[in-house]
Protein backbone atom coordinates (compact mmCIF):
# COMPACT_ATOMS: atom_id res chain seq x y z
CA UNK A 1 78.36 168.50 85.82
CA UNK A 2 75.52 166.47 84.32
CA UNK A 3 77.15 166.72 80.88
CA UNK A 4 80.44 165.51 82.37
CA UNK A 5 78.70 162.51 83.95
CA UNK A 6 76.98 161.75 80.66
CA UNK A 7 80.24 161.74 78.68
CA UNK A 8 81.97 159.79 81.44
CA UNK A 9 79.31 157.06 81.25
CA UNK A 10 79.60 156.95 77.43
CA UNK A 11 83.39 156.69 77.70
CA UNK A 12 83.12 153.89 80.26
CA UNK A 13 80.73 151.96 78.01
CA UNK A 14 83.13 152.30 75.07
CA UNK A 15 86.05 151.07 77.17
CA UNK A 16 84.08 148.06 78.39
CA UNK A 17 82.97 147.33 74.82
CA UNK A 18 86.55 147.39 73.56
CA UNK A 19 87.70 145.13 76.36
CA UNK A 20 84.90 142.63 75.71
CA UNK A 21 85.47 142.62 71.96
CA UNK A 22 89.18 141.95 72.50
CA UNK A 23 88.27 138.72 74.28
CA UNK A 24 86.83 137.25 71.08
CA UNK A 25 89.08 136.03 68.27
CA UNK A 26 89.43 138.44 65.36
CA UNK A 27 91.36 135.99 63.19
CA UNK A 28 90.19 132.52 62.12
CA UNK A 29 90.72 130.13 65.00
CA UNK A 30 89.68 126.81 66.54
CA UNK A 31 88.58 126.46 70.14
CA UNK A 32 88.78 123.00 71.74
CA UNK A 33 86.95 121.68 74.79
CA UNK A 34 87.95 118.48 76.58
CA UNK A 35 85.96 116.29 78.93
CA UNK A 36 86.91 116.66 82.57
CA UNK A 37 86.06 113.12 83.65
CA UNK A 38 87.80 109.83 82.88
CA UNK A 39 91.27 111.41 83.15
CA UNK A 40 92.72 108.05 84.14
CA UNK A 41 94.94 105.68 82.12
CA UNK A 42 92.94 103.63 79.63
CA UNK A 43 89.78 105.70 79.95
CA UNK A 44 88.08 107.61 77.10
CA UNK A 45 87.53 111.37 77.05
CA UNK A 46 85.55 113.43 74.58
CA UNK A 47 87.08 116.38 72.69
CA UNK A 48 85.15 118.87 70.58
CA UNK A 49 86.36 121.60 68.21
CA UNK A 50 84.58 124.87 67.41
CA UNK A 51 85.54 127.08 64.46
CA UNK A 52 85.50 130.88 64.68
CA UNK A 53 85.53 133.33 61.75
CA UNK A 54 85.94 130.59 59.13
CA UNK A 55 83.94 127.69 57.69
CA UNK A 56 85.72 124.32 57.26
CA UNK A 57 85.41 122.81 53.78
CA UNK A 58 83.84 119.42 53.03
CA UNK A 59 86.92 117.56 54.25
CA UNK A 60 86.23 118.86 57.75
CA UNK A 61 88.69 118.44 60.60
CA UNK A 62 91.89 116.43 60.61
CA UNK A 63 92.85 115.10 64.04
CA UNK A 64 96.14 113.80 65.43
CA UNK A 65 96.99 112.38 68.83
CA UNK A 66 100.41 112.03 70.46
CA UNK A 67 101.69 110.87 73.84
CA UNK A 68 104.67 112.42 75.56
CA UNK A 69 107.62 110.12 76.19
CA UNK A 70 109.84 110.25 79.24
CA UNK A 71 112.55 112.19 77.41
CA UNK A 72 110.14 114.88 76.24
CA UNK A 73 109.58 113.63 72.67
CA UNK A 74 106.07 113.09 71.30
CA UNK A 75 104.98 109.77 69.77
CA UNK A 76 101.93 109.53 67.44
CA UNK A 77 99.16 107.23 68.76
CA UNK A 78 96.37 107.96 66.30
CA UNK A 79 94.89 104.49 66.76
CA UNK A 80 93.67 105.71 70.16
CA UNK A 81 91.62 108.51 68.57
CA UNK A 82 88.11 107.81 67.22
CA UNK A 83 86.06 110.36 65.25
CA UNK A 84 82.41 110.48 66.33
CA UNK A 85 80.62 110.48 62.98
CA UNK A 86 77.01 110.34 64.12
CA UNK A 87 73.91 112.40 63.48
CA UNK A 88 74.57 114.40 66.62
CA UNK A 89 78.37 114.51 66.35
CA UNK A 90 80.04 115.15 63.03
CA UNK A 91 83.78 115.05 62.50
CA UNK A 92 84.34 118.00 64.82
CA UNK A 93 84.12 115.65 67.82
CA UNK A 94 86.42 112.78 68.77
CA UNK A 95 86.88 110.28 71.57
CA UNK A 96 90.45 109.92 72.82
CA UNK A 97 91.32 106.68 74.58
CA UNK A 98 94.13 107.58 76.95
CA UNK A 99 97.19 105.31 77.09
CA UNK A 100 97.06 102.61 79.76
CA UNK A 101 100.61 103.08 81.01
CA UNK A 102 101.52 106.78 81.18
CA UNK A 103 105.12 107.82 80.77
CA UNK A 104 104.66 111.49 81.59
CA UNK A 105 100.87 111.42 81.87
CA UNK A 106 100.29 113.84 78.98
CA UNK A 107 98.76 113.56 75.51
CA UNK A 108 98.66 116.23 72.81
CA UNK A 109 95.58 116.61 70.64
CA UNK A 110 95.73 118.60 67.38
CA UNK A 111 92.79 119.70 65.23
CA UNK A 112 93.34 121.17 61.76
CA UNK A 113 90.79 122.44 59.23
CA UNK A 114 90.88 124.40 55.95
CA UNK A 115 88.19 126.60 54.49
CA UNK A 116 87.07 130.15 53.74
CA UNK A 117 87.27 132.83 56.38
CA UNK A 118 84.70 135.57 56.88
CA UNK A 119 86.56 137.81 54.42
CA UNK A 120 86.50 135.20 51.64
CA UNK A 121 90.14 134.12 51.99
CA UNK A 122 91.28 130.49 51.98
CA UNK A 123 92.85 129.62 55.34
CA UNK A 124 94.22 126.60 57.17
CA UNK A 125 93.77 126.75 60.93
CA UNK A 126 95.35 124.54 63.60
CA UNK A 127 94.75 124.25 67.32
CA UNK A 128 96.47 122.10 69.95
CA UNK A 129 95.45 121.02 73.42
CA UNK A 130 97.66 119.17 75.91
CA UNK A 131 95.75 116.98 78.35
CA UNK A 132 97.18 115.79 81.65
CA UNK A 133 95.98 112.41 82.85
CA UNK A 134 96.76 110.35 85.93
CA UNK A 135 95.15 107.79 88.25
CA UNK A 136 92.65 109.21 90.72
CA UNK A 137 91.35 107.78 93.97
CA UNK A 138 88.01 106.11 93.33
CA UNK A 139 85.26 106.09 95.95
CA UNK A 140 82.34 103.68 95.63
CA UNK A 141 79.11 105.66 96.11
CA UNK A 142 75.98 103.50 96.04
CA UNK A 143 72.38 104.64 96.41
CA UNK A 144 69.78 102.12 97.60
CA UNK A 145 66.06 102.71 97.16
CA UNK A 146 63.34 100.38 98.39
CA UNK A 147 60.17 99.71 96.45
CA UNK A 148 58.11 102.90 96.21
CA UNK A 149 60.91 105.20 97.37
CA UNK A 150 62.50 107.69 94.97
CA UNK A 151 65.73 109.04 96.41
CA UNK A 152 66.81 111.24 93.50
CA UNK A 153 68.88 113.86 95.31
CA UNK A 154 72.23 111.99 95.21
CA UNK A 155 72.04 111.97 91.43
CA UNK A 156 71.81 115.75 91.45
CA UNK A 157 75.00 115.84 93.53
CA UNK A 158 76.72 113.43 91.15
CA UNK A 159 75.68 115.41 88.08
CA UNK A 160 77.00 118.63 89.61
CA UNK A 161 80.27 117.12 90.82
CA UNK A 162 83.48 118.58 89.39
CA UNK A 163 85.60 115.67 88.18
CA UNK A 164 88.24 117.95 86.73
CA UNK A 165 89.33 119.60 89.98
CA UNK A 166 88.93 116.66 92.35
CA UNK A 167 91.57 114.05 93.19
CA UNK A 168 88.74 111.56 93.72
CA UNK A 169 86.24 110.04 91.29
CA UNK A 170 82.93 108.53 92.44
CA UNK A 171 81.98 105.09 91.14
CA UNK A 172 78.35 106.17 91.30
CA UNK A 173 75.36 103.85 90.89
CA UNK A 174 71.74 103.71 92.07
CA UNK A 175 69.92 100.46 92.84
CA UNK A 176 66.12 100.52 92.96
CA UNK A 177 64.28 97.54 94.38
CA UNK A 178 62.14 95.86 91.75
CA UNK A 179 63.55 97.88 88.85
CA UNK A 180 64.16 95.69 85.83
CA UNK A 181 65.06 96.72 82.31
CA UNK A 182 63.33 94.59 79.69
CA UNK A 183 64.80 91.12 79.14
CA UNK A 184 67.03 91.29 82.24
CA UNK A 185 66.62 88.22 84.41
CA UNK A 186 68.07 89.47 87.70
CA UNK A 187 67.15 92.46 89.86
CA UNK A 188 70.37 94.53 90.26
CA UNK A 189 69.19 95.62 93.71
CA UNK A 190 68.83 92.03 94.93
CA UNK A 191 72.04 90.95 93.22
CA UNK A 192 74.02 93.74 94.88
CA UNK A 193 72.93 92.60 98.34
CA UNK A 194 74.50 89.20 97.62
CA UNK A 195 78.06 90.50 97.27
CA UNK A 196 78.76 90.16 100.98
CA UNK A 197 79.70 93.79 101.66
CA UNK A 198 77.35 96.23 103.40
CA UNK A 199 74.48 96.46 102.96
CA UNK A 200 73.81 92.71 102.81
CA UNK A 201 70.06 92.63 103.46
CA UNK A 202 67.02 94.89 102.96
CA UNK A 203 66.67 95.38 106.72
CA UNK A 204 69.94 97.33 106.69
CA UNK A 205 68.44 99.99 104.41
CA UNK A 206 66.17 102.80 105.55
CA UNK A 207 62.70 102.72 104.02
CA UNK A 208 63.23 106.13 102.43
CA UNK A 209 66.59 105.15 100.94
CA UNK A 210 70.22 105.87 101.74
CA UNK A 211 73.71 106.27 100.32
CA UNK A 212 76.65 104.02 101.20
CA UNK A 213 80.20 105.35 100.83
CA UNK A 214 82.85 102.68 100.33
CA UNK A 215 80.36 100.22 101.88
CA UNK A 216 81.31 101.45 105.36
CA UNK A 217 79.24 104.51 106.24
CA UNK A 218 75.79 105.54 105.20
CA UNK A 219 73.78 108.71 104.77
CA UNK A 220 69.99 108.38 105.18
CA UNK A 221 67.79 110.24 102.72
CA UNK A 222 66.12 112.25 105.48
CA UNK A 223 69.45 113.87 106.37
CA UNK A 224 70.71 114.36 102.82
CA UNK A 225 72.38 117.53 101.58
CA UNK A 226 74.93 118.32 98.87
CA UNK A 227 77.47 119.43 101.48
CA UNK A 228 77.03 116.21 103.44
CA UNK A 229 77.50 114.15 100.28
CA UNK A 230 80.67 116.05 99.39
CA UNK A 231 82.05 115.78 102.93
CA UNK A 232 81.49 112.03 103.21
CA UNK A 233 82.79 111.46 99.68
CA UNK A 234 85.98 113.42 100.36
CA UNK A 235 86.59 111.76 103.73
CA UNK A 236 85.68 108.13 103.00
CA UNK A 237 88.73 105.97 103.82
CA UNK A 238 90.19 104.14 100.82
CA UNK A 239 92.74 101.34 100.63
CA UNK A 240 96.07 101.78 98.90
CA UNK A 241 96.94 98.18 98.04
CA UNK A 242 94.67 97.82 95.01
CA UNK A 243 94.38 99.32 91.59
CA UNK A 244 92.00 98.76 88.69
CA UNK A 245 92.64 99.49 85.01
CA UNK A 246 89.83 99.43 82.46
CA UNK A 247 90.97 99.53 78.85
CA UNK A 248 89.18 98.97 75.52
CA UNK A 249 90.10 96.04 73.29
CA UNK A 250 87.65 96.34 70.36
CA UNK A 251 85.56 99.08 68.73
CA UNK A 252 82.50 99.67 66.61
CA UNK A 253 83.16 103.06 65.07
CA UNK A 254 84.10 105.47 67.86
CA UNK A 255 82.54 103.34 70.60
CA UNK A 256 84.46 100.67 72.52
CA UNK A 257 82.51 97.40 72.56
CA UNK A 258 84.98 95.10 74.32
CA UNK A 259 87.03 95.78 77.41
CA UNK A 260 89.70 94.32 79.65
CA UNK A 261 89.66 94.91 83.39
CA UNK A 262 93.02 94.49 85.12
CA UNK A 263 92.86 94.24 88.90
CA UNK A 264 95.91 94.52 91.10
CA UNK A 265 96.40 92.06 93.97
CA UNK A 266 93.14 90.14 93.53
CA UNK A 267 92.82 86.35 93.74
CA UNK A 268 90.74 85.24 90.78
CA UNK A 269 89.84 81.97 92.53
CA UNK A 270 88.48 83.35 95.80
CA UNK A 271 87.71 87.04 95.21
CA UNK A 272 84.83 88.40 93.14
CA UNK A 273 84.69 91.07 90.46
CA UNK A 274 81.24 92.53 89.73
CA UNK A 275 80.22 94.80 86.87
CA UNK A 276 77.25 97.17 86.85
CA UNK A 277 75.73 99.01 83.92
CA UNK A 278 73.72 102.18 84.64
CA UNK A 279 71.59 104.63 82.68
CA UNK A 280 72.94 108.11 82.13
CA UNK A 281 69.51 109.71 82.57
CA UNK A 282 68.95 108.67 86.19
CA UNK A 283 72.02 106.60 87.16
CA UNK A 284 69.85 103.52 87.81
CA UNK A 285 71.60 100.16 87.55
CA UNK A 286 70.13 97.98 84.80
CA UNK A 287 72.59 95.08 85.19
CA UNK A 288 74.78 93.68 87.95
CA UNK A 289 76.92 90.75 86.81
CA UNK A 290 79.76 88.74 88.31
CA UNK A 291 82.51 88.67 85.69
CA UNK A 292 84.95 86.20 87.25
CA UNK A 293 83.84 83.65 84.66
CA UNK A 294 85.12 85.93 81.89
CA UNK A 295 88.68 85.49 83.09
CA UNK A 296 90.94 84.81 80.12
CA UNK A 297 94.58 83.90 80.85
CA UNK A 298 97.10 85.59 78.60
CA UNK A 299 100.31 84.26 77.14
CA UNK A 300 101.99 85.65 80.25
CA UNK A 301 100.08 83.15 82.39
CA UNK A 302 97.99 84.64 85.17
CA UNK A 303 99.67 87.94 85.89
CA UNK A 304 100.56 91.02 83.92
CA UNK A 305 103.49 92.82 85.51
CA UNK A 306 103.52 96.60 85.49
CA UNK A 307 105.53 99.17 87.35
CA UNK A 308 102.95 99.48 90.11
CA UNK A 309 102.11 95.84 90.80
CA UNK A 310 100.61 92.59 89.58
CA UNK A 311 97.32 92.38 87.71
CA UNK A 312 94.82 89.69 86.90
CA UNK A 313 92.94 90.43 83.66
CA UNK A 314 89.25 89.83 82.97
CA UNK A 315 88.19 90.34 79.34
CA UNK A 316 84.62 90.59 78.04
CA UNK A 317 82.51 92.04 75.25
CA UNK A 318 79.41 94.11 75.82
CA UNK A 319 77.27 91.30 74.36
CA UNK A 320 78.48 89.11 77.26
CA UNK A 321 76.84 91.56 79.65
CA UNK A 322 73.81 93.09 77.93
CA UNK A 323 73.23 90.84 74.90
CA UNK A 324 73.65 91.56 71.18
CA UNK A 325 71.18 94.44 70.81
CA UNK A 326 72.18 96.75 73.69
CA UNK A 327 75.14 98.93 74.56
CA UNK A 328 77.23 98.54 77.68
CA UNK A 329 78.84 101.95 77.21
CA UNK A 330 77.96 104.90 74.99
CA UNK A 331 75.96 108.12 74.96
CA UNK A 332 73.18 106.72 77.16
CA UNK A 333 74.90 104.19 79.44
CA UNK A 334 78.05 103.84 81.54
CA UNK A 335 79.52 101.04 83.60
CA UNK A 336 81.72 100.35 86.58
CA UNK A 337 83.42 97.44 88.32
CA UNK A 338 83.55 96.54 92.00
CA UNK A 339 86.28 94.25 93.37
CA UNK A 340 85.27 92.24 96.44
CA UNK A 341 87.97 90.60 98.56
CA UNK A 342 87.21 87.41 100.46
CA UNK A 343 89.55 86.30 103.22
CA UNK A 344 89.06 82.88 104.81
CA UNK A 345 90.28 82.57 108.39
CA UNK A 346 90.19 79.74 110.87
CA UNK A 347 87.90 80.41 113.84
CA UNK A 348 89.19 80.65 117.38
CA UNK A 349 88.02 77.12 118.13
CA UNK A 350 89.37 75.72 114.86
CA UNK A 351 85.89 74.88 113.65
CA UNK A 352 84.50 75.69 110.21
CA UNK A 353 86.15 78.48 108.26
CA UNK A 354 84.87 82.03 108.45
CA UNK A 355 84.83 84.19 105.32
CA UNK A 356 85.38 87.92 105.75
CA UNK A 357 84.26 90.05 102.82
CA UNK A 358 85.55 93.55 102.14
CA UNK A 359 85.51 96.09 99.35
CA UNK A 360 88.80 95.87 97.48
CA UNK A 361 88.21 98.73 95.08
CA UNK A 362 86.12 100.08 92.22
CA UNK A 363 86.39 101.91 88.91
CA UNK A 364 83.98 103.56 86.48
CA UNK A 365 83.94 104.50 82.79
CA UNK A 366 81.61 107.47 82.41
CA UNK A 367 79.72 108.41 79.27
CA UNK A 368 81.16 110.58 76.49
CA UNK A 369 79.85 114.00 77.42
CA UNK A 370 82.21 116.95 77.30
CA UNK A 371 80.41 118.76 80.13
CA UNK A 372 81.84 116.21 82.51
């Protein structure tokens, strides 16, 4: 009986070993991973290729990008694909800038490489990945910390959030009172309180810090938990009459350095559009800038007409926001925009006008990190 058990255990181990080994490629192949965040029109995602059982030659990888047309055909759009040739990323990593106006909402990414396999044979290997992209509901999630308070837990929630599976994307930013990056003239914390949407003054913020969801409901730091953050994020009411597109207009290598923000149903004369820039490491806002003054009318006058509405476009370069020596978006920083709607109504007694301020919408361009 003992001998039977011994041989049975050995047999079971062999079966498990065969099953495990069958999960790994035995022929030369390429595995591709794609970033889960930024799956919205106009946004960038990061794609990385890994070679198995072969070594690419000096030419490295060849990449192609196509978008699917309404009839099912595929159209090359290689101009929207940027190879990340940096010390950290060689030519096995690219940034794909998704089309701004999806026809089917799918792009096809192809990686090809030639080289010697593990048996010394010359091989050419190709791998394809089809990526689905579509607009997602954006929820503005803002963390406010007073001087001396360090409310770090919301960042842990944000860093663990699954962008890929959710229908919502958080426009996430932390404001810390008194925090200033070098050569920045305005405190982002103080600037944010001037937008006119809650919170509008330091007295509205708990001393230990708190999170505001869509500027309408708040979660104090002393009652924080991951489940509470997820619940309030998933249940925060959002409006359906706005939309924001962020698309790149100029590049330095793989990195976009100029952008255009197109906002649906916003009045460029009375409403405000704010832009924040935050650090990847701790999500702290380093800049908070009103970008209405960057409005640049196009040849189509004020509005761009698309299938889903009317847009006003605001164009800017990163040097407009952070100066010539810093990056607005890249491996270490990301940015977002917040649209603030101002409605002027006559008072009941027909006296001076009253301005009502509300959050119109938000959007975020996260950093190029495939784990997102």
